């Protein structure tokens, strides 16, 4: 339901303060607590919105290395939710790059990733029981390819037009040499980390969704997303090191509620992932920034907020972070948060640069 004016003011105040081994089958899953709290909603531009590889096991062709390796630490830029329909798609039809405001930050990074909160396809049928479904034309891939090495698919909108559209998106991403994580043509691929090596550091990125509908989950014979089950997530993190020989492992989560403070479930799972070997935990889905912390010296960002998105009622939904992290074989060595101010058409512009928020 829509927050009151007073609650919105409190949320905005909280935001300002924040600135100062094999996979289980879908049928076997179910023992882990998952998100089943009724969704809080807000008025979207059109309807009520309830929230929006390079795989080295067999060296498939999607997302081959596009930059030469060199000595020294590598930089990773991570952004939050990107929904490219409506205002952003209107801009792309006019030849406007929705990521132009952050082009310099992306160009200076060794690895660039973000959550793709829509399906890129021309086929499929919209989910009947969803108040908001997002599908964008493949022309959007021109801009994604320009600025990103890989995109996350583990969210509650990548399956909006069914498995057929999801499969088409996977094919288009591979065709355009864009990596992906948190989704695949089957359950095994969805739980396979995206592996990339830069400057002698081997990085594994995993992605998981734990916000309904669970019908978007991949199965042994169906494309879809990687669902968040504690035992499976922990196995995947350990396998990223033991099987895929990653130096750095980072799970990216789609979780939580539209609140400025992470809930107990997020905190519990973040700690489990770090205990299992994750070097950092990065989250999204609440459509606003959430608090950050360090656990055993490892950074946790519960929500980066929106990055490219329109149709929200509150100013707090139009501020996010683009994280820039420096990595070496020992993990995350440095973090900066580049503030993003999203315009009314959903396009981001850069703001101030914050020192590591997890150390505040």
Protein backbone atom coordinates (compact mmCIF):
# COMPACT_ATOMS: atom_id res chain seq x y z
CA UNK A 1 0.00 0.00 0.00
CA UNK A 2 1.14 3.61 -0.50
CA UNK A 3 3.10 5.02 2.36
CA UNK A 4 1.81 8.09 4.14
CA UNK A 5 3.52 11.43 3.71
CA UNK A 6 4.97 11.09 7.20
CA UNK A 7 6.44 7.65 6.47
CA UNK A 8 7.91 8.90 3.22
CA UNK A 9 9.62 11.72 5.09
CA UNK A 10 11.01 9.28 7.67
CA UNK A 11 12.27 7.00 4.90
CA UNK A 12 13.95 9.91 3.18
CA UNK A 13 15.57 10.86 6.47
CA UNK A 14 16.89 7.35 6.87
CA UNK A 15 18.37 7.58 3.41
CA UNK A 16 20.21 10.79 4.25
CA UNK A 17 21.65 9.13 7.34
CA UNK A 18 22.82 6.25 5.20
CA UNK A 19 24.84 8.64 3.09
CA UNK A 20 26.55 10.44 6.12
CA UNK A 21 28.36 -30.83 -5.46
CA UNK A 22 25.41 -30.79 -8.01
CA UNK A 23 22.30 -28.63 -7.90
CA UNK A 24 19.11 -29.88 -6.34
CA UNK A 25 16.05 -30.13 -8.55
CA UNK A 26 13.17 -27.69 -8.21
CA UNK A 27 11.02 -30.45 -6.76
CA UNK A 28 13.59 -31.12 -4.04
CA UNK A 29 13.71 -27.48 -2.99
CA UNK A 30 11.47 -26.08 -0.30
CA UNK A 31 13.06 -26.54 3.10
CA UNK A 32 14.48 -23.01 3.25
CA UNK A 33 12.45 -20.02 4.45
CA UNK A 34 11.59 -17.91 1.41
CA UNK A 35 9.86 -14.61 0.87
CA UNK A 36 6.15 -15.10 1.46
CA UNK A 37 5.21 -11.85 3.19
CA UNK A 38 2.48 -10.01 1.25
CA UNK A 39 4.12 -7.59 -1.13
CA UNK A 40 4.09 -3.92 -0.33
CA UNK A 41 3.12 -2.00 -3.42
CA UNK A 42 3.27 1.48 -4.81
CA UNK A 43 1.71 3.23 -7.75
CA UNK A 44 3.69 2.48 -10.88
CA UNK A 45 3.34 4.57 -14.02
CA UNK A 46 0.61 2.26 -15.33
CA UNK A 47 -0.43 -0.25 -12.65
CA UNK A 48 0.29 -1.34 -9.11
CA UNK A 49 3.89 -2.62 -8.99
CA UNK A 50 4.57 -5.14 -6.20
CA UNK A 51 8.15 -4.22 -6.04
CA UNK A 52 10.59 -4.79 -11.05
CA UNK A 53 28.77 -16.16 -19.37
CA UNK A 54 31.18 -16.52 -19.73
CA UNK A 55 30.73 -19.91 -17.97
CA UNK A 56 34.05 -21.59 -17.76
CA UNK A 57 32.89 -25.15 -17.05
CA UNK A 58 32.68 -25.74 -20.81
CA UNK A 59 33.87 -22.31 -21.94
CA UNK A 60 30.71 -21.32 -23.85
CA UNK A 61 30.81 -18.34 -26.14
CA UNK A 62 28.79 -15.80 -24.17
CA UNK A 63 30.84 -12.92 -22.79
CA UNK A 64 34.40 -13.71 -23.82
CA UNK A 65 37.12 -11.54 -22.35
CA UNK A 66 37.06 -8.19 -24.12
CA UNK A 67 39.91 -6.49 -22.26
CA UNK A 68 43.55 -7.53 -21.99
CA UNK A 69 44.78 -8.89 -18.68
CA UNK A 70 47.36 -6.82 -16.83
CA UNK A 71 49.10 -6.81 -13.48
CA UNK A 72 47.52 -5.18 -10.47
CA UNK A 73 44.13 -5.09 -8.68
CA UNK A 74 40.99 -5.12 -10.81
CA UNK A 75 37.94 -2.88 -10.54
CA UNK A 76 34.35 -4.13 -10.48
CA UNK A 77 31.36 -1.83 -10.95
CA UNK A 78 27.96 -3.12 -9.80
CA UNK A 79 24.62 -1.33 -10.24
CA UNK A 80 21.11 -2.12 -9.04
CA UNK A 81 17.78 -2.69 -10.75
CA UNK A 82 17.50 -1.83 -14.45
CA UNK A 83 14.02 -1.82 -15.98
CA UNK A 84 14.32 -0.63 -19.58
CA UNK A 85 10.66 -0.38 -20.60
CA UNK A 86 8.59 2.85 -20.64
CA UNK A 87 10.79 5.97 -20.28
CA UNK A 88 14.14 4.24 -20.88
CA UNK A 89 12.83 2.49 -24.00
CA UNK A 90 11.40 5.75 -25.31
CA UNK A 91 14.87 7.25 -24.94
CA UNK A 92 16.49 4.33 -26.78
CA UNK A 93 14.00 4.66 -29.65
CA UNK A 94 15.29 8.20 -30.07
CA UNK A 95 18.89 6.98 -30.08
CA UNK A 96 19.62 8.11 -26.53
CA UNK A 97 21.91 5.93 -24.43
CA UNK A 98 20.20 5.40 -21.04
CA UNK A 99 23.59 4.75 -19.42
CA UNK A 100 25.37 7.81 -20.86
CA UNK A 101 25.57 9.56 -17.49
CA UNK A 102 27.73 6.75 -16.09
CA UNK A 103 29.66 5.92 -19.27
CA UNK A 104 32.92 7.20 -17.82
CA UNK A 105 32.62 5.07 -14.67
CA UNK A 106 31.83 1.97 -16.73
CA UNK A 107 34.63 2.60 -19.21
CA UNK A 108 37.18 2.84 -16.40
CA UNK A 109 36.20 -0.50 -14.82
CA UNK A 110 37.56 -3.95 -15.59
CA UNK A 111 34.20 -5.68 -14.95
CA UNK A 112 30.68 -4.15 -15.14
CA UNK A 113 27.51 -5.93 -13.97
CA UNK A 114 23.90 -5.03 -13.07
CA UNK A 115 20.47 -6.57 -12.47
CA UNK A 116 18.33 -6.74 -15.64
CA UNK A 117 14.81 -6.38 -14.25
CA UNK A 118 12.91 -7.13 -17.46
CA UNK A 119 12.92 -9.72 -20.23
CA UNK A 120 14.57 -8.83 -23.53
CA UNK A 121 12.45 -10.63 -26.11
CA UNK A 122 9.87 -10.35 -28.88
CA UNK A 123 7.98 -13.53 -28.02
CA UNK A 124 6.05 -15.03 -25.11
CA UNK A 125 2.80 -14.19 -23.32
CA UNK A 126 2.44 -11.99 -20.24
CA UNK A 127 1.81 -13.62 -16.88
CA UNK A 128 -1.92 -13.39 -16.21
CA UNK A 129 -1.73 -12.83 -12.47
CA UNK A 130 0.97 -10.12 -12.40
CA UNK A 131 -0.07 -6.46 -12.18
CA UNK A 132 3.15 -5.36 -13.92
CA UNK A 133 5.09 -7.20 -16.60
CA UNK A 134 8.18 -5.83 -18.33
CA UNK A 135 9.44 -6.76 -21.79
CA UNK A 136 11.79 -4.70 -23.94
CA UNK A 137 12.85 -4.92 -27.57
CA UNK A 138 16.26 -6.46 -28.34
CA UNK A 139 17.44 -3.02 -29.51
CA UNK A 140 18.19 -2.46 -25.81
CA UNK A 141 21.07 -4.91 -26.06
CA UNK A 142 23.07 -2.37 -28.06
CA UNK A 143 23.37 -0.25 -24.95
CA UNK A 144 23.77 -3.12 -22.49
CA UNK A 145 26.60 -4.55 -24.59
CA UNK A 146 28.29 -1.15 -24.71
CA UNK A 147 28.51 -0.80 -20.93
CA UNK A 148 28.16 -4.24 -19.28
CA UNK A 149 30.10 -7.48 -19.27
CA UNK A 150 27.23 -9.42 -17.67
CA UNK A 151 23.73 -8.97 -16.32
CA UNK A 152 21.82 -10.65 -13.50
CA UNK A 153 18.64 -12.53 -14.38
CA UNK A 154 17.58 -13.76 -10.91
CA UNK A 155 14.65 -11.46 -10.24
CA UNK A 156 10.85 -11.39 -10.23
CA UNK A 157 10.46 -9.87 -13.72
CA UNK A 158 12.81 -11.78 -16.04
CA UNK A 159 10.12 -14.48 -16.39
CA UNK A 160 7.25 -12.07 -17.02
CA UNK A 161 6.56 -13.44 -20.51
CA UNK A 162 7.16 -17.12 -19.79
CA UNK A 163 9.91 -19.67 -20.47
CA UNK A 164 9.84 -19.11 -24.24
CA UNK A 165 10.71 -15.42 -23.89
CA UNK A 166 13.29 -16.23 -21.20
CA UNK A 167 14.97 -18.71 -23.53
CA UNK A 168 14.97 -16.16 -26.36
CA UNK A 169 16.65 -13.66 -24.04
CA UNK A 170 19.38 -16.16 -23.17
CA UNK A 171 20.05 -16.72 -26.86
CA UNK A 172 20.18 -12.98 -27.54
CA UNK A 173 22.59 -12.39 -24.66
CA UNK A 174 24.91 -15.11 -25.93
CA UNK A 175 24.63 -13.81 -29.50
CA UNK A 176 25.64 -10.35 -28.31
CA UNK A 177 28.45 -11.70 -26.11
CA UNK A 178 26.87 -10.46 -22.89
CA UNK A 179 27.39 -12.71 -19.89
CA UNK A 180 24.66 -13.59 -17.43
CA UNK A 181 24.27 -15.09 -13.97
CA UNK A 182 21.34 -16.26 -11.88
CA UNK A 183 19.50 -17.80 -14.82
CA UNK A 184 19.89 -20.41 -17.52
CA UNK A 185 18.34 -22.89 -19.90
CA UNK A 186 18.00 -25.39 -17.06
CA UNK A 187 18.55 -25.72 -13.32
CA UNK A 188 22.24 -26.56 -13.64
CA UNK A 189 23.03 -23.58 -15.84
CA UNK A 190 21.04 -21.22 -13.62
CA UNK A 191 23.23 -22.22 -10.65
CA UNK A 192 26.49 -22.06 -12.60
CA UNK A 193 28.60 -19.02 -11.71
CA UNK A 194 29.59 -16.48 -14.31
CA UNK A 195 33.38 -16.66 -14.26
CA UNK A 196 35.64 -13.93 -15.53
CA UNK A 197 39.36 -13.39 -15.07
CA UNK A 198 40.98 -9.98 -15.16
CA UNK A 199 44.51 -9.00 -14.20
CA UNK A 200 45.23 -12.44 -12.83
CA UNK A 201 42.20 -12.48 -10.49
CA UNK A 202 39.47 -15.02 -11.15
CA UNK A 203 36.01 -13.78 -10.13
CA UNK A 204 32.78 -15.80 -9.74
CA UNK A 205 29.41 -14.04 -9.73
CA UNK A 206 26.29 -15.92 -8.62
CA UNK A 207 22.69 -14.68 -8.64
CA UNK A 208 19.56 -15.72 -6.70
CA UNK A 209 15.93 -14.64 -6.44
CA UNK A 210 13.77 -15.19 -3.39
CA UNK A 211 10.84 -12.97 -4.27
CA UNK A 212 7.73 -14.57 -5.75
CA UNK A 213 6.62 -15.84 -8.19
CA UNK A 214 8.62 -18.99 -7.82
CA UNK A 215 7.15 -20.21 -11.11
CA UNK A 216 10.05 -18.38 -12.81
CA UNK A 217 12.51 -20.90 -11.31
CA UNK A 218 14.55 -23.01 -13.71
CA UNK A 219 14.05 -26.76 -13.64
CA UNK A 220 15.86 -29.74 -15.10
CA UNK A 221 14.11 -29.19 -18.44
CA UNK A 222 12.89 -25.58 -18.21
CA UNK A 223 14.71 -22.23 -18.52
CA UNK A 224 14.41 -19.80 -15.67
CA UNK A 225 16.07 -18.21 -12.66
CA UNK A 226 18.12 -19.57 -9.77
CA UNK A 227 15.89 -19.68 -6.71
CA UNK A 228 17.38 -18.92 -3.31
CA UNK A 229 17.53 -22.05 -1.15
CA UNK A 230 20.04 -21.76 1.67
CA UNK A 231 21.61 -25.20 1.28
CA UNK A 232 21.93 -24.84 -2.50
CA UNK A 233 23.30 -21.30 -2.30
CA UNK A 234 25.99 -22.42 0.14
CA UNK A 235 26.91 -25.38 -2.08
CA UNK A 236 27.19 -23.06 -5.07
CA UNK A 237 29.50 -20.68 -3.22
CA UNK A 238 31.78 -23.51 -2.11
CA UNK A 239 31.78 -24.98 -5.63
CA UNK A 240 32.76 -21.61 -7.09
CA UNK A 241 36.07 -22.01 -5.28
CA UNK A 242 36.56 -25.77 -5.30
CA UNK A 243 35.31 -26.52 -8.84
CA UNK A 244 35.64 -23.23 -10.73
CA UNK A 245 38.81 -22.15 -8.89
CA UNK A 246 37.60 -18.62 -8.23
CA UNK A 247 39.72 -16.27 -6.15
CA UNK A 248 36.76 -13.99 -5.39
CA UNK A 249 33.12 -15.09 -5.00
CA UNK A 250 30.24 -12.60 -4.93
CA UNK A 251 26.56 -13.63 -4.70
CA UNK A 252 24.02 -11.06 -5.89
CA UNK A 253 20.61 -11.34 -4.25
CA UNK A 254 17.06 -10.28 -5.15
CA UNK A 255 15.39 -10.04 -1.75
CA UNK A 256 13.84 -7.92 1.00
CA UNK A 257 11.00 -5.42 1.33
CA UNK A 258 10.53 -1.82 0.29
CA UNK A 259 12.02 -0.51 3.50
CA UNK A 260 15.26 1.37 4.25
CA UNK A 261 16.50 -1.27 6.72
CA UNK A 262 17.26 -4.88 5.80
CA UNK A 263 15.13 -7.53 7.49
CA UNK A 264 16.25 -10.46 9.63
CA UNK A 265 16.04 -12.90 6.73
CA UNK A 266 18.47 -10.84 4.64
CA UNK A 267 20.92 -10.54 7.51
CA UNK A 268 20.77 -14.24 8.35
CA UNK A 269 21.41 -15.36 4.77
CA UNK A 270 24.14 -12.78 4.15
CA UNK A 271 26.10 -14.12 7.11
CA UNK A 272 25.62 -17.71 5.99
CA UNK A 273 26.98 -16.83 2.56
CA UNK A 274 30.06 -15.14 3.99
CA UNK A 275 30.61 -18.07 6.34
CA UNK A 276 30.51 -20.32 3.24
CA UNK A 277 33.21 -18.26 1.50
CA UNK A 278 31.59 -15.25 -0.15
CA UNK A 279 33.84 -12.17 -0.30
CA UNK A 280 30.94 -9.71 -0.49
CA UNK A 281 27.14 -9.83 -0.68
CA UNK A 282 25.21 -7.41 -2.89
CA UNK A 283 21.43 -7.09 -2.92
CA UNK A 284 18.58 -5.44 -4.75
CA UNK A 285 14.78 -5.44 -5.19
CA UNK A 286 13.56 -3.01 -2.48
CA UNK A 287 13.79 -0.13 -5.04
CA UNK A 288 15.57 2.03 -2.51
CA UNK A 289 18.88 2.01 -0.70
CA UNK A 290 19.13 -0.12 2.41
CA UNK A 291 21.71 -0.15 5.19
CA UNK A 292 25.16 -1.69 4.84
CA UNK A 293 27.53 -3.46 7.18
CA UNK A 294 30.67 -5.55 7.52
CA UNK A 295 30.64 -9.14 8.72
CA UNK A 296 33.97 -10.84 9.37
CA UNK A 297 35.51 -7.95 7.50
CA UNK A 298 33.40 -8.61 4.35
CA UNK A 299 31.10 -5.92 2.95
CA UNK A 300 27.33 -6.42 2.71
CA UNK A 301 25.14 -4.11 0.64
CA UNK A 302 21.56 -5.11 1.29
CA UNK A 303 20.11 -3.03 -1.55
CA UNK A 304 21.73 -0.75 -4.11
CA UNK A 305 18.35 0.73 -5.03
CA UNK A 306 17.23 1.45 -8.58
CA UNK A 307 19.60 2.38 -11.38
CA UNK A 308 17.44 2.65 -14.53
CA UNK A 309 13.76 2.67 -13.58
CA UNK A 310 10.74 4.96 -13.76
CA UNK A 311 7.16 5.13 -12.48
CA UNK A 312 7.72 5.40 -8.71
CA UNK A 313 5.92 7.83 -6.40
CA UNK A 314 8.65 8.74 -3.87
CA UNK A 315 11.98 10.58 -4.20
CA UNK A 316 13.66 7.77 -2.28
CA UNK A 317 13.05 5.46 -5.25
CA UNK A 318 15.08 7.74 -7.52
CA UNK A 319 18.40 7.50 -5.68
CA UNK A 320 20.74 4.53 -5.93
CA UNK A 321 24.38 3.53 -5.81
CA UNK A 322 26.80 2.33 -8.43
CA UNK A 323 29.43 0.45 -6.45
CA UNK A 324 33.04 0.49 -7.53
CA UNK A 325 35.08 -2.17 -5.78
CA UNK A 326 38.75 -3.00 -6.10
CA UNK A 327 39.50 -6.72 -5.86
CA UNK A 328 42.57 -8.86 -5.57
CA UNK A 329 43.02 -12.53 -4.74
CA UNK A 330 42.34 -11.76 -1.09
CA UNK A 331 38.90 -10.29 -1.77
CA UNK A 332 37.50 -6.75 -1.69
CA UNK A 333 40.16 -4.17 -0.85
CA UNK A 334 38.37 -0.88 -1.53
CA UNK A 335 34.78 0.31 -2.05
CA UNK A 336 33.29 3.54 -3.35
CA UNK A 337 29.58 4.31 -3.74
CA UNK A 338 28.81 6.56 -6.71
CA UNK A 339 25.44 8.15 -6.04
CA UNK A 340 22.93 7.91 -8.89
CA UNK A 341 20.10 10.42 -9.28
CA UNK A 342 17.38 9.00 -11.53
CA UNK A 343 15.35 11.42 -13.62
CA UNK A 344 11.58 11.22 -14.14
CA UNK A 345 12.07 9.17 -17.33
CA UNK A 346 14.16 6.60 -15.47
CA UNK A 347 17.65 7.62 -16.65
CA UNK A 348 20.47 7.99 -14.10
CA UNK A 349 22.90 10.87 -13.64
CA UNK A 350 25.95 10.75 -11.38
CA UNK A 351 26.09 12.50 -8.03
CA UNK A 352 28.69 12.57 -5.27
CA UNK A 353 31.15 9.77 -4.58
CA UNK A 354 30.98 8.30 -1.08
CA UNK A 355 33.73 6.52 0.80
CA UNK A 356 32.98 2.92 1.74
CA UNK A 357 29.52 3.06 3.39
CA UNK A 358 30.11 -0.24 5.20
CA UNK A 359 32.72 1.44 7.37
CA UNK A 360 30.41 4.19 8.67
